[in-house]
PDB file of N, CA and C in Angstrom:
ATOM      1  N   UNK A   1      27.941 111.182 192.973  1.00  0.00           N
ATOM      2  CA  UNK A   1      28.996 110.806 191.883  1.00  0.00           C
ATOM      3  C   UNK A   1      30.224 111.618 192.253  1.00  0.00           C
ATOM      4  N   UNK A   2      31.295 110.901 192.296  1.00  0.00           N
ATOM      5  CA  UNK A   2      32.582 111.610 192.608  1.00  0.00           C
ATOM      6  C   UNK A   2      33.135 112.279 191.335  1.00  0.00           C
ATOM      7  N   UNK A   3      34.044 112.879 191.617  1.00  0.00           N
ATOM      8  CA  UNK A   3      34.686 113.789 190.495  1.00  0.00           C
ATOM      9  C   UNK A   3      35.481 112.835 189.404  1.00  0.00           C
ATOM     10  N   UNK A   4      35.907 111.762 189.960  1.00  0.00           N
ATOM     11  CA  UNK A   4      36.540 110.873 188.883  1.00  0.00           C
ATOM     12  C   UNK A   4      35.591 110.368 187.873  1.00  0.00           C
ATOM     13  N   UNK A   5      34.370 109.873 188.491  1.00  0.00           N
ATOM     14  CA  UNK A   5      33.339 109.363 187.796  1.00  0.00           C
ATOM     15  C   UNK A   5      32.728 110.322 186.889  1.00  0.00           C
ATOM     16  N   UNK A   6      32.674 111.564 187.348  1.00  0.00           N
ATOM     17  CA  UNK A   6      32.097 112.662 186.581  1.00  0.00           C
ATOM     18  C   UNK A   6      33.017 113.043 185.383  1.00  0.00           C
ATOM     19  N   UNK A   7      34.283 113.030 185.650  1.00  0.00           N
ATOM     20  CA  UNK A   7      35.351 113.281 184.496  1.00  0.00           C
ATOM     21  C   UNK A   7      35.311 111.988 183.568  1.00  0.00           C
ATOM     22  N   UNK A   8      35.200 110.878 184.022  1.00  0.00           N
ATOM     23  CA  UNK A   8      35.101 109.745 183.168  1.00  0.00           C
ATOM     24  C   UNK A   8      33.860 109.696 182.179  1.00  0.00           C
ATOM     25  N   UNK A   9      32.745 110.126 182.981  1.00  0.00           N
ATOM     26  CA  UNK A   9      31.567 110.325 182.088  1.00  0.00           C
ATOM     27  C   UNK A   9      31.545 111.438 181.049  1.00  0.00           C
ATOM     28  N   UNK A  10      32.150 112.576 181.428  1.00  0.00           N
ATOM     29  CA  UNK A  10      32.359 113.769 180.505  1.00  0.00           C
ATOM     30  C   UNK A  10      33.292 113.313 179.255  1.00  0.00           C
ATOM     31  N   UNK A  11      34.324 112.468 179.768  1.00  0.00           N
ATOM     32  CA  UNK A  11      35.182 111.971 178.760  1.00  0.00           C
ATOM     33  C   UNK A  11      34.396 111.011 177.767  1.00  0.00           C
ATOM     34  N   UNK A  12      33.612 110.231 178.279  1.00  0.00           N
ATOM     35  CA  UNK A  12      32.831 109.469 177.372  1.00  0.00           C
ATOM     36  C   UNK A  12      31.944 109.996 176.593  1.00  0.00           C
ATOM     37  N   UNK A  13      31.316 111.011 177.152  1.00  0.00           N
ATOM     38  CA  UNK A  13      30.438 111.951 176.339  1.00  0.00           C
ATOM     39  C   UNK A  13      31.073 112.632 175.336  1.00  0.00           C
ATOM     40  N   UNK A  14      32.299 113.187 175.516  1.00  0.00           N
ATOM     41  CA  UNK A  14      33.002 113.726 174.508  1.00  0.00           C
ATOM     42  C   UNK A  14      33.463 112.772 173.422  1.00  0.00           C
ATOM     43  N   UNK A  15      33.833 111.604 173.803  1.00  0.00           N
ATOM     44  CA  UNK A  15      34.246 110.488 172.790  1.00  0.00           C
ATOM     45  C   UNK A  15      33.056 110.120 171.952  1.00  0.00           C
ATOM     46  N   UNK A  16      31.809 110.080 172.680  1.00  0.00           N
ATOM     47  CA  UNK A  16      30.592 109.728 171.868  1.00  0.00           C
ATOM     48  C   UNK A  16      30.206 110.980 170.863  1.00  0.00           C
ATOM     49  N   UNK A  17      30.460 112.109 171.287  1.00  0.00           N
ATOM     50  CA  UNK A  17      30.150 113.273 170.464  1.00  0.00           C
ATOM     51  C   UNK A  17      31.109 113.127 169.295  1.00  0.00           C
ATOM     52  N   UNK A  18      32.323 113.033 169.638  1.00  0.00           N
ATOM     53  CA  UNK A  18      33.408 112.855 168.571  1.00  0.00           C
ATOM     54  C   UNK A  18      33.259 111.720 167.588  1.00  0.00           C
ATOM     55  N   UNK A  19      32.795 110.600 168.044  1.00  0.00           N
ATOM     56  CA  UNK A  19      32.434 109.649 167.305  1.00  0.00           C
ATOM     57  C   UNK A  19      31.135 109.849 166.327  1.00  0.00           C
ATOM     58  N   UNK A  20      30.263 110.512 166.949  1.00  0.00           N
ATOM     59  CA  UNK A  20      29.030 110.969 166.246  1.00  0.00           C
ATOM     60  C   UNK A  20      29.425 111.878 165.131  1.00  0.00           C
ATOM     61  N   UNK A  21      30.311 112.808 165.404  1.00  0.00           N
ATOM     62  CA  UNK A  21      30.630 113.835 164.366  1.00  0.00           C
ATOM     63  C   UNK A  21      31.429 113.162 163.270  1.00  0.00           C
ATOM     64  N   UNK A  22      32.353 112.280 163.698  1.00  0.00           N
ATOM     65  CA  UNK A  22      33.131 111.462 162.587  1.00  0.00           C
ATOM     66  C   UNK A  22      32.146 110.677 161.680  1.00  0.00           C
ATOM     67  N   UNK A  23      31.116 110.092 162.464  1.00  0.00           N
ATOM     68  CA  UNK A  23      30.140 109.261 161.634  1.00  0.00           C
ATOM     69  C   UNK A  23      29.351 110.173 160.832  1.00  0.00           C
ATOM     70  N   UNK A  24      28.884 111.271 161.305  1.00  0.00           N
ATOM     71  CA  UNK A  24      28.352 112.342 160.455  1.00  0.00           C
ATOM     72  C   UNK A  24      29.150 112.730 159.201  1.00  0.00           C
ATOM     73  N   UNK A  25      30.335 112.971 159.454  1.00  0.00           N
ATOM     74  CA  UNK A  25      31.323 113.460 158.458  1.00  0.00           C
ATOM     75  C   UNK A  25      31.526 112.284 157.467  1.00  0.00           C
ATOM     76  N   UNK A  26      31.575 111.013 157.906  1.00  0.00           N
ATOM     77  CA  UNK A  26      31.614 109.918 157.026  1.00  0.00           C
ATOM     78  C   UNK A  26      30.518 109.858 156.196  1.00  0.00           C
ATOM     79  N   UNK A  27      29.312 110.102 156.776  1.00  0.00           N
ATOM     80  CA  UNK A  27      27.932 109.887 155.925  1.00  0.00           C
ATOM     81  C   UNK A  27      28.014 111.130 154.931  1.00  0.00           C
ATOM     82  N   UNK A  28      28.496 112.213 155.419  1.00  0.00           N
ATOM     83  CA  UNK A  28      28.409 113.321 154.484  1.00  0.00           C
ATOM     84  C   UNK A  28      29.331 113.009 153.275  1.00  0.00           C
ATOM     85  N   UNK A  29      30.595 112.508 153.618  1.00  0.00           N
ATOM     86  CA  UNK A  29      31.545 112.189 152.692  1.00  0.00           C
ATOM     87  C   UNK A  29      30.967 111.023 151.753  1.00  0.00           C
ATOM     88  N   UNK A  30      30.270 110.023 152.229  1.00  0.00           N
ATOM     89  CA  UNK A  30      29.770 109.062 151.395  1.00  0.00           C
ATOM     90  C   UNK A  30      28.573 109.627 150.529  1.00  0.00           C
ATOM     91  N   UNK A  31      27.753 110.671 151.063  1.00  0.00           N
ATOM     92  CA  UNK A  31      26.783 111.263 150.218  1.00  0.00           C
ATOM     93  C   UNK A  31      27.489 112.028 149.081  1.00  0.00           C
ATOM     94  N   UNK A  32      28.643 112.789 149.356  1.00  0.00           N
ATOM     95  CA  UNK A  32      29.222 113.590 148.382  1.00  0.00           C
ATOM     96  C   UNK A  32      29.871 112.600 147.355  1.00  0.00           C
ATOM     97  N   UNK A  33      30.578 111.466 147.727  1.00  0.00           N
ATOM     98  CA  UNK A  33      31.053 110.625 146.840  1.00  0.00           C
ATOM     99  C   UNK A  33      29.968 109.958 145.923  1.00  0.00           C
ATOM    100  N   UNK A  34      28.876 109.847 146.555  1.00  0.00           N
ATOM    101  CA  UNK A  34      27.769 109.156 145.845  1.00  0.00           C
ATOM    102  C   UNK A  34      27.177 110.058 144.694  1.00  0.00           C
ATOM    103  N   UNK A  35      27.129 111.319 145.098  1.00  0.00           N
ATOM    104  CA  UNK A  35      26.642 112.439 144.162  1.00  0.00           C
ATOM    105  C   UNK A  35      27.699 112.525 143.078  1.00  0.00           C
ATOM    106  N   UNK A  36      28.932 112.588 143.405  1.00  0.00           N
ATOM    107  CA  UNK A  36      29.997 112.615 142.316  1.00  0.00           C
ATOM    108  C   UNK A  36      30.012 111.520 141.379  1.00  0.00           C
ATOM    109  N   UNK A  37      29.778 110.311 142.010  1.00  0.00           N
ATOM    110  CA  UNK A  37      29.607 109.075 141.188  1.00  0.00           C
ATOM    111  C   UNK A  37      28.602 109.214 140.231  1.00  0.00           C
ATOM    112  N   UNK A  38      27.386 109.617 140.778  1.00  0.00           N
ATOM    113  CA  UNK A  38      26.149 109.652 140.051  1.00  0.00           C
ATOM    114  C   UNK A  38      26.208 110.564 138.885  1.00  0.00           C
ATOM    115  N   UNK A  39      26.985 111.789 139.068  1.00  0.00           N
ATOM    116  CA  UNK A  39      27.216 112.784 137.913  1.00  0.00           C
ATOM    117  C   UNK A  39      28.035 112.052 136.937  1.00  0.00           C
ATOM    118  N   UNK A  40      29.248 111.494 137.385  1.00  0.00           N
ATOM    119  CA  UNK A  40      30.177 110.825 136.481  1.00  0.00           C
ATOM    120  C   UNK A  40      29.414 109.808 135.682  1.00  0.00           C
ATOM    121  N   UNK A  41      28.601 109.070 136.220  1.00  0.00           N
ATOM    122  CA  UNK A  41      27.851 107.997 135.606  1.00  0.00           C
ATOM    123  C   UNK A  41      26.904 108.706 134.507  1.00  0.00           C
ATOM    124  N   UNK A  42      26.280 109.722 134.729  1.00  0.00           N
ATOM    125  CA  UNK A  42      25.523 110.411 133.929  1.00  0.00           C
ATOM    126  C   UNK A  42      26.281 110.939 132.759  1.00  0.00           C
ATOM    127  N   UNK A  43      27.456 111.506 133.118  1.00  0.00           N
ATOM    128  CA  UNK A  43      28.346 111.949 131.950  1.00  0.00           C
ATOM    129  C   UNK A  43      29.004 110.947 131.122  1.00  0.00           C
ATOM    130  N   UNK A  44      29.196 109.713 131.644  1.00  0.00           N
ATOM    131  CA  UNK A  44      29.697 108.636 130.877  1.00  0.00           C
ATOM    132  C   UNK A  44      28.578 108.023 130.134  1.00  0.00           C
ATOM    133  N   UNK A  45      27.336 108.059 130.470  1.00  0.00           N
ATOM    134  CA  UNK A  45      26.227 107.609 129.751  1.00  0.00           C
ATOM    135  C   UNK A  45      25.930 108.525 128.590  1.00  0.00           C
ATOM    136  N   UNK A  46      26.168 109.787 128.748  1.00  0.00           N
ATOM    137  CA  UNK A  46      26.003 110.729 127.640  1.00  0.00           C
ATOM    138  C   UNK A  46      26.959 110.585 126.753  1.00  0.00           C
ATOM    139  N   UNK A  47      28.309 110.425 127.155  1.00  0.00           N
ATOM    140  CA  UNK A  47      29.305 110.233 126.243  1.00  0.00           C
ATOM    141  C   UNK A  47      29.214 108.901 125.310  1.00  0.00           C
ATOM    142  N   UNK A  48      28.490 107.870 126.001  1.00  0.00           N
ATOM    143  CA  UNK A  48      28.283 106.552 125.285  1.00  0.00           C
ATOM    144  C   UNK A  48      27.245 106.836 124.248  1.00  0.00           C
ATOM    145  N   UNK A  49      26.220 107.632 124.669  1.00  0.00           N
ATOM    146  CA  UNK A  49      25.101 108.012 123.696  1.00  0.00           C
ATOM    147  C   UNK A  49      25.781 108.813 122.541  1.00  0.00           C
ATOM    148  N   UNK A  50      26.673 109.767 122.828  1.00  0.00           N
ATOM    149  CA  UNK A  50      27.168 110.465 121.851  1.00  0.00           C
ATOM    150  C   UNK A  50      28.035 109.652 120.842  1.00  0.00           C
ATOM    151  N   UNK A  51      28.848 108.643 121.467  1.00  0.00           N
ATOM    152  CA  UNK A  51      29.638 107.759 120.647  1.00  0.00           C
ATOM    153  C   UNK A  51      28.701 106.982 119.802  1.00  0.00           C
ATOM    154  N   UNK A  52      27.694 106.326 120.297  1.00  0.00           N
ATOM    155  CA  UNK A  52      26.770 105.625 119.552  1.00  0.00           C
ATOM    156  C   UNK A  52      26.131 106.376 118.321  1.00  0.00           C
ATOM    157  N   UNK A  53      25.911 107.691 118.619  1.00  0.00           N
ATOM    158  CA  UNK A  53      25.459 108.472 117.444  1.00  0.00           C
ATOM    159  C   UNK A  53      26.477 108.729 116.476  1.00  0.00           C
ATOM    160  N   UNK A  54      27.752 109.028 116.904  1.00  0.00           N
ATOM    161  CA  UNK A  54      28.849 109.171 116.059  1.00  0.00           C
ATOM    162  C   UNK A  54      29.142 107.855 115.240  1.00  0.00           C
ATOM    163  N   UNK A  55      28.964 106.724 115.904  1.00  0.00           N
ATOM    164  CA  UNK A  55      29.289 105.420 115.233  1.00  0.00           C
ATOM    165  C   UNK A  55      28.111 105.189 114.114  1.00  0.00           C
ATOM    166  N   UNK A  56      27.005 105.655 114.503  1.00  0.00           N
ATOM    167  CA  UNK A  56      25.832 105.472 113.536  1.00  0.00           C
ATOM    168  C   UNK A  56      26.159 106.264 112.338  1.00  0.00           C
ATOM    169  N   UNK A  57      26.638 107.533 112.451  1.00  0.00           N
ATOM    170  CA  UNK A  57      26.966 108.471 111.391  1.00  0.00           C
ATOM    171  C   UNK A  57      28.186 107.812 110.639  1.00  0.00           C
ATOM    172  N   UNK A  58      29.196 107.185 111.332  1.00  0.00           N
ATOM    173  CA  UNK A  58      30.346 106.641 110.601  1.00  0.00           C
ATOM    174  C   UNK A  58      29.745 105.564 109.909  1.00  0.00           C
ATOM    175  N   UNK A  59      28.892 104.679 110.381  1.00  0.00           N
ATOM    176  CA  UNK A  59      28.332 103.725 109.626  1.00  0.00           C
ATOM    177  C   UNK A  59      27.770 104.079 108.237  1.00  0.00           C
ATOM    178  N   UNK A  60      26.972 105.332 108.481  1.00  0.00           N
ATOM    179  CA  UNK A  60      26.242 105.856 107.252  1.00  0.00           C
ATOM    180  C   UNK A  60      27.397 106.279 106.286  1.00  0.00           C
ATOM    181  N   UNK A  61      28.392 106.997 106.709  1.00  0.00           N
ATOM    182  CA  UNK A  61      29.421 107.480 105.886  1.00  0.00           C
ATOM    183  C   UNK A  61      30.152 106.320 105.233  1.00  0.00           C
ATOM    184  N   UNK A  62      30.373 105.221 105.880  1.00  0.00           N
ATOM    185  CA  UNK A  62      31.140 104.039 105.368  1.00  0.00           C
ATOM    186  C   UNK A  62      30.272 103.517 104.291  1.00  0.00           C
ATOM    187  N   UNK A  63      29.044 103.409 104.417  1.00  0.00           N
ATOM    188  CA  UNK A  63      28.034 102.981 103.346  1.00  0.00           C
ATOM    189  C   UNK A  63      28.144 103.851 102.238  1.00  0.00           C
ATOM    190  N   UNK A  64      28.081 104.945 102.313  1.00  0.00           N
ATOM    191  CA  UNK A  64      28.267 105.922 101.358  1.00  0.00           C
ATOM    192  C   UNK A  64      29.523 105.848 100.477  1.00  0.00           C
ATOM    193  N   UNK A  65      30.682 105.604 101.269  1.00  0.00           N
ATOM    194  CA  UNK A  65      31.914 105.496 100.720  1.00  0.00           C
ATOM    195  C   UNK A  65      32.030 104.203  99.954  1.00  0.00           C
ATOM    196  N   UNK A  66      31.387 103.204 100.406  1.00  0.00           N
ATOM    197  CA  UNK A  66      31.418 101.888  99.778  1.00  0.00           C
ATOM    198  C   UNK A  66      30.728 102.017  98.400  1.00  0.00           C
ATOM    199  N   UNK A  67      29.524 102.772  98.410  1.00  0.00           N
ATOM    200  CA  UNK A  67      28.825 102.922  97.179  1.00  0.00           C
ATOM    201  C   UNK A  67      29.644 103.674  96.192  1.00  0.00           C
ATOM    202  N   UNK A  68      30.349 104.825  96.849  1.00  0.00           N
ATOM    203  CA  UNK A  68      31.168 105.593  95.887  1.00  0.00           C
ATOM    204  C   UNK A  68      32.384 104.739  95.316  1.00  0.00           C
ATOM    205  N   UNK A  69      32.965 103.945  96.074  1.00  0.00           N
ATOM    206  CA  UNK A  69      33.926 103.084  95.773  1.00  0.00           C
ATOM    207  C   UNK A  69      33.546 102.032  94.559  1.00  0.00           C
ATOM    208  N   UNK A  70      32.312 101.503  94.674  1.00  0.00           N
ATOM    209  CA  UNK A  70      31.774 100.657  93.731  1.00  0.00           C
ATOM    210  C   UNK A  70      31.500 101.469  92.426  1.00  0.00           C
ATOM    211  N   UNK A  71      31.020 102.649  92.473  1.00  0.00           N
ATOM    212  CA  UNK A  71      30.816 103.489  91.380  1.00  0.00           C
ATOM    213  C   UNK A  71      32.146 103.838  90.705  1.00  0.00           C
ATOM    214  N   UNK A  72      33.081 104.112  91.519  1.00  0.00           N
ATOM    215  CA  UNK A  72      34.419 104.325  90.708  1.00  0.00           C
ATOM    216  C   UNK A  72      35.072 103.145  90.215  1.00  0.00           C
ATOM    217  N   UNK A  73      34.885 102.003  90.778  1.00  0.00           N
ATOM    218  CA  UNK A  73      35.417 100.841  90.317  1.00  0.00           C
ATOM    219  C   UNK A  73      34.735 100.623  88.852  1.00  0.00           C
ATOM    220  N   UNK A  74      33.367 100.890  88.830  1.00  0.00           N
ATOM    221  CA  UNK A  74      32.715 100.726  87.429  1.00  0.00           C
ATOM    222  C   UNK A  74      33.273 101.659  86.447  1.00  0.00           C
ATOM    223  N   UNK A  75      33.563 102.867  86.876  1.00  0.00           N
ATOM    224  CA  UNK A  75      34.093 103.854  85.936  1.00  0.00           C
ATOM    225  C   UNK A  75      35.443 103.406  85.459  1.00  0.00           C
ATOM    226  N   UNK A  76      36.347 102.783  86.523  1.00  0.00           N
ATOM    227  CA  UNK A  76      37.680 102.308  86.050  1.00  0.00           C
ATOM    228  C   UNK A  76      37.444 101.080  84.955  1.00  0.00           C
ATOM    229  N   UNK A  77      36.486 100.191  85.281  1.00  0.00           N
ATOM    230  CA  UNK A  77      36.402  99.166  84.401  1.00  0.00           C
ATOM    231  C   UNK A  77      35.884  99.680  82.907  1.00  0.00           C
ATOM    232  N   UNK A  78      35.018 100.658  82.888  1.00  0.00           N
ATOM    233  CA  UNK A  78      34.590 101.262  81.713  1.00  0.00           C
ATOM    234  C   UNK A  78      35.769 101.812  80.909  1.00  0.00           C
ATOM    235  N   UNK A  79      36.661 102.550  81.585  1.00  0.00           N
ATOM    236  CA  UNK A  79      37.766 103.167  80.941  1.00  0.00           C
ATOM    237  C   UNK A  79      38.717 102.092  80.509  1.00  0.00           C
ATOM    238  N   UNK A  80      39.044 101.041  81.274  1.00  0.00           N
ATOM    239  CA  UNK A  80      39.762  99.987  80.804  1.00  0.00           C
ATOM    240  C   UNK A  80      39.158  99.341  79.621  1.00  0.00           C
ATOM    241  N   UNK A  81      37.943  99.064  79.507  1.00  0.00           N
ATOM    242  CA  UNK A  81      37.252  98.543  78.432  1.00  0.00           C
ATOM    243  C   UNK A  81      37.525  99.407  77.105  1.00  0.00           C
ATOM    244  N   UNK A  82      37.265 100.670  77.390  1.00  0.00           N
ATOM    245  CA  UNK A  82      37.341 101.692  76.265  1.00  0.00           C
ATOM    246  C   UNK A  82      38.911 101.550  75.775  1.00  0.00           C
ATOM    247  N   UNK A  83      39.796 101.554  76.731  1.00  0.00           N
ATOM    248  CA  UNK A  83      41.198 101.370  76.410  1.00  0.00           C
ATOM    249  C   UNK A  83      41.452 100.218  75.505  1.00  0.00           C
ATOM    250  N   UNK A  84      40.965  99.122  75.844  1.00  0.00           N
ATOM    251  CA  UNK A  84      41.274  97.879  75.089  1.00  0.00           C
ATOM    252  C   UNK A  84      40.631  98.083  73.666  1.00  0.00           C
ATOM    253  N   UNK A  85      39.463  98.764  73.616  1.00  0.00           N
ATOM    254  CA  UNK A  85      38.732  98.945  72.228  1.00  0.00           C
ATOM    255  C   UNK A  85      39.723  99.802  71.390  1.00  0.00           C
ATOM    256  N   UNK A  86      40.215 100.870  72.078  1.00  0.00           N
ATOM    257  CA  UNK A  86      41.087 101.767  71.346  1.00  0.00           C
ATOM    258  C   UNK A  86      42.454 101.189  70.852  1.00  0.00           C
ATOM    259  N   UNK A  87      42.811 100.215  71.695  1.00  0.00           N
ATOM    260  CA  UNK A  87      44.172  99.553  71.308  1.00  0.00           C
ATOM    261  C   UNK A  87      43.827  98.553  70.191  1.00  0.00           C
ATOM    262  N   UNK A  88      42.712  97.930  70.206  1.00  0.00           N
ATOM    263  CA  UNK A  88      42.229  97.067  69.022  1.00  0.00           C
ATOM    264  C   UNK A  88      42.204  97.924  67.787  1.00  0.00           C
ATOM    265  N   UNK A  89      41.479  99.122  67.980  1.00  0.00           N
ATOM    266  CA  UNK A  89      41.276 100.140  66.757  1.00  0.00           C
ATOM    267  C   UNK A  89      42.715 100.595  66.311  1.00  0.00           C
ATOM    268  N   UNK A  90      43.631 100.842  67.118  1.00  0.00           N
ATOM    269  CA  UNK A  90      45.069 101.210  66.831  1.00  0.00           C
ATOM    270  C   UNK A  90      45.686 100.130  65.998  1.00  0.00           C
ATOM    271  N   UNK A  91      45.473  98.958  66.467  1.00  0.00           N
ATOM    272  CA  UNK A  91      46.163  97.761  65.832  1.00  0.00           C
ATOM    273  C   UNK A  91      45.605  97.571  64.406  1.00  0.00           C
ATOM    274  N   UNK A  92      44.233  97.704  64.448  1.00  0.00           N
ATOM    275  CA  UNK A  92      43.523  97.492  63.061  1.00  0.00           C
ATOM    276  C   UNK A  92      44.005  98.626  62.098  1.00  0.00           C
ATOM    277  N   UNK A  93      44.054  99.873  62.576  1.00  0.00           N
ATOM    278  CA  UNK A  93      44.593 101.023  61.705  1.00  0.00           C
ATOM    279  C   UNK A  93      45.862 100.911  61.338  1.00  0.00           C
ATOM    280  N   UNK A  94      46.736 100.352  62.220  1.00  0.00           N
ATOM    281  CA  UNK A  94      48.167 100.184  61.961  1.00  0.00           C
ATOM    282  C   UNK A  94      48.286  99.024  60.858  1.00  0.00           C
ATOM    283  N   UNK A  95      47.465  98.003  60.886  1.00  0.00           N
ATOM    284  CA  UNK A  95      47.459  96.979  59.867  1.00  0.00           C
ATOM    285  C   UNK A  95      47.036  97.527  58.536  1.00  0.00           C
ATOM    286  N   UNK A  96      45.902  98.418  58.678  1.00  0.00           N
ATOM    287  CA  UNK A  96      45.361  99.058  57.330  1.00  0.00           C
ATOM    288  C   UNK A  96      46.494  99.848  56.820  1.00  0.00           C
ATOM    289  N   UNK A  97      47.365 100.768  57.611  1.00  0.00           N
ATOM    290  CA  UNK A  97      48.297 101.600  57.074  1.00  0.00           C
ATOM    291  C   UNK A  97      49.335 100.690  56.429  1.00  0.00           C
ATOM    292  N   UNK A  98      49.814  99.562  56.963  1.00  0.00           N
ATOM    293  CA  UNK A  98      50.801  98.780  56.450  1.00  0.00           C
ATOM    294  C   UNK A  98      50.381  98.182  55.167  1.00  0.00           C
ATOM    295  N   UNK A  99      49.085  97.732  55.155  1.00  0.00           N
ATOM    296  CA  UNK A  99      48.514  97.274  53.882  1.00  0.00           C
ATOM    297  C   UNK A  99      48.482  98.331  52.764  1.00  0.00           C
ATOM    298  N   UNK A 100      48.097  99.508  53.140  1.00  0.00           N
ATOM    299  CA  UNK A 100      48.036 100.693  52.165  1.00  0.00           C
ATOM    300  C   UNK A 100      49.328 100.957  51.667  1.00  0.00           C
ATOM    301  N   UNK A 101      50.499 101.000  52.706  1.00  0.00           N
ATOM    302  CA  UNK A 101      51.759 101.401  52.288  1.00  0.00           C
ATOM    303  C   UNK A 101      52.270 100.303  51.252  1.00  0.00           C
ATOM    304  N   UNK A 102      51.893  98.946  51.542  1.00  0.00           N
ATOM    305  CA  UNK A 102      52.439  97.958  50.703  1.00  0.00           C
ATOM    306  C   UNK A 102      51.726  98.114  49.406  1.00  0.00           C
ATOM    307  N   UNK A 103      50.319  98.361  49.326  1.00  0.00           N
ATOM    308  CA  UNK A 103      49.663  98.599  48.047  1.00  0.00           C
ATOM    309  C   UNK A 103      50.324  99.773  47.289  1.00  0.00           C
ATOM    310  N   UNK A 104      50.640 100.899  47.991  1.00  0.00           N
ATOM    311  CA  UNK A 104      51.136 102.085  47.318  1.00  0.00           C
ATOM    312  C   UNK A 104      52.469 101.777  46.754  1.00  0.00           C
ATOM    313  N   UNK A 105      53.278 100.926  47.525  1.00  0.00           N
ATOM    314  CA  UNK A 105      54.554 100.506  47.000  1.00  0.00           C
ATOM    315  C   UNK A 105      54.478  99.617  45.814  1.00  0.00           C
ATOM    316  N   UNK A 106      53.534  98.750  45.770  1.00  0.00           N
ATOM    317  CA  UNK A 106      53.213  97.947  44.661  1.00  0.00           C
ATOM    318  C   UNK A 106      52.753  98.736  43.444  1.00  0.00           C
ATOM    319  N   UNK A 107      51.863  99.584  43.761  1.00  0.00           N
ATOM    320  CA  UNK A 107      51.412 100.545  42.600  1.00  0.00           C
ATOM    321  C   UNK A 107      52.584 101.319  42.063  1.00  0.00           C
ATOM    322  N   UNK A 108      53.328 101.847  42.969  1.00  0.00           N
ATOM    323  CA  UNK A 108      54.466 102.717  42.504  1.00  0.00           C
ATOM    324  C   UNK A 108      55.430 101.947  41.569  1.00  0.00           C
ATOM    325  N   UNK A 109      55.750 100.613  42.117  1.00  0.00           N
ATOM    326  CA  UNK A 109      56.738  99.711  41.331  1.00  0.00           C
ATOM    327  C   UNK A 109      55.964  99.381  40.059  1.00  0.00           C
ATOM    328  N   UNK A 110      54.704  99.107  39.994  1.00  0.00           N
ATOM    329  CA  UNK A 110      53.986  98.913  38.813  1.00  0.00           C
ATOM    330  C   UNK A 110      54.154 100.001  37.817  1.00  0.00           C
ATOM    331  N   UNK A 111      53.799 101.205  38.483  1.00  0.00           N
ATOM    332  CA  UNK A 111      53.869 102.400  37.502  1.00  0.00           C
ATOM    333  C   UNK A 111      55.369 102.651  37.001  1.00  0.00           C
ATOM    334  N   UNK A 112      56.375 102.465  37.926  1.00  0.00           N
ATOM    335  CA  UNK A 112      57.579 102.642  37.388  1.00  0.00           C
ATOM    336  C   UNK A 112      57.968 101.560  36.202  1.00  0.00           C
ATOM    337  N   UNK A 113      57.500 100.280  36.428  1.00  0.00           N
ATOM    338  CA  UNK A 113      57.840  99.232  35.614  1.00  0.00           C
ATOM    339  C   UNK A 113      57.130  99.532  34.186  1.00  0.00           C
ATOM    340  N   UNK A 114      55.805 100.161  34.263  1.00  0.00           N
ATOM    341  CA  UNK A 114      55.208 100.519  33.171  1.00  0.00           C
ATOM    342  C   UNK A 114      55.916 101.654  32.341  1.00  0.00           C
ATOM    343  N   UNK A 115      56.404 102.570  33.200  1.00  0.00           N
ATOM    344  CA  UNK A 115      57.124 103.706  32.419  1.00  0.00           C
ATOM    345  C   UNK A 115      58.596 103.214  31.846  1.00  0.00           C
ATOM    346  N   UNK A 116      59.199 102.359  32.685  1.00  0.00           N
ATOM    347  CA  UNK A 116      60.468 101.613  32.096  1.00  0.00           C
ATOM    348  C   UNK A 116      60.111 100.988  30.765  1.00  0.00           C
ATOM    349  N   UNK A 117      59.005 100.249  30.802  1.00  0.00           N
ATOM    350  CA  UNK A 117      58.674  99.414  29.710  1.00  0.00           C
ATOM    351  C   UNK A 117      58.358 100.346  28.511  1.00  0.00           C
ATOM    352  N   UNK A 118      57.712 101.449  28.821  1.00  0.00           N
ATOM    353  CA  UNK A 118      57.310 102.363  27.800  1.00  0.00           C
ATOM    354  C   UNK A 118      58.346 103.184  27.267  1.00  0.00           C
ATOM    355  N   UNK A 119      59.334 103.627  28.026  1.00  0.00           N
ATOM    356  CA  UNK A 119      60.334 104.503  27.599  1.00  0.00           C
ATOM    357  C   UNK A 119      61.728 103.624  27.451  1.00  0.00           C
ATOM    358  N   UNK A 120      61.630 102.657  28.155  1.00  0.00           N
ATOM    359  CA  UNK A 120      63.006 101.838  28.028  1.00  0.00           C
ATOM    360  C   UNK A 120      64.127 102.375  29.068  1.00  0.00           C
ATOM    361  N   UNK A 121      63.608 103.173  29.905  1.00  0.00           N
ATOM    362  CA  UNK A 121      64.653 103.704  30.986  1.00  0.00           C
ATOM    363  C   UNK A 121      63.752 104.218  32.129  1.00  0.00           C
ATOM    364  N   UNK A 122      64.396 104.558  33.282  1.00  0.00           N
ATOM    365  CA  UNK A 122      63.906 105.006  34.465  1.00  0.00           C
ATOM    366  C   UNK A 122      63.365 106.544  34.287  1.00  0.00           C
ATOM    367  N   UNK A 123      62.364 106.847  34.799  1.00  0.00           N
ATOM    368  CA  UNK A 123      62.039 108.310  34.725  1.00  0.00           C
ATOM    369  C   UNK A 123      63.085 109.158  35.366  1.00  0.00           C
ATOM    370  N   UNK A 124      63.277 110.439  34.861  1.00  0.00           N
ATOM    371  CA  UNK A 124      64.269 111.492  35.491  1.00  0.00           C
ATOM    372  C   UNK A 124      63.906 111.598  36.958  1.00  0.00           C
ATOM    373  N   UNK A 125      64.928 111.753  37.715  1.00  0.00           N
ATOM    374  CA  UNK A 125      64.913 111.911  39.220  1.00  0.00           C
ATOM    375  C   UNK A 125      64.937 110.548  39.915  1.00  0.00           C
ATOM    376  N   UNK A 126      64.812 109.491  39.241  1.00  0.00           N
ATOM    377  CA  UNK A 126      64.966 108.189  40.011  1.00  0.00           C
ATOM    378  C   UNK A 126      66.402 107.721  39.868  1.00  0.00           C
ATOM    379  N   UNK A 127      66.652 106.490  40.419  1.00  0.00           N
ATOM    380  CA  UNK A 127      68.023 105.960  40.309  1.00  0.00           C
ATOM    381  C   UNK A 127      68.118 105.482  38.794  1.00  0.00           C
ATOM    382  N   UNK A 128      69.239 105.824  38.272  1.00  0.00           N
ATOM    383  CA  UNK A 128      69.530 105.574  37.033  1.00  0.00           C
ATOM    384  C   UNK A 128      70.712 104.598  36.822  1.00  0.00           C
TER     385      UNK A 128
END
């Protein structure tokens, strides 16, 4: 084997070794990337589970809030009903007061009329 063939063969060996090392490095990089991706996948799956759990809790809270809202609406309706009853009662009392005022005025006028008829004049302190 001459020196030229020997150098060419050594060069090819060196290229082969270089290529093997590059391939080994690429495999190691692939393995590392695969491991990182696997860990990221597990992390994302855990986050998804946590979100599902939180979502379930939020659904429960929403259900409780809807029940509370319905209960409060019932209270508001009860208060509005009581308000209407009180307004009716106030109107009724107002009518009663007007009737009583009218009755008092009539009785007062009758009393004054009787007094005038009896004495022939208005009582002292009244309009003369």
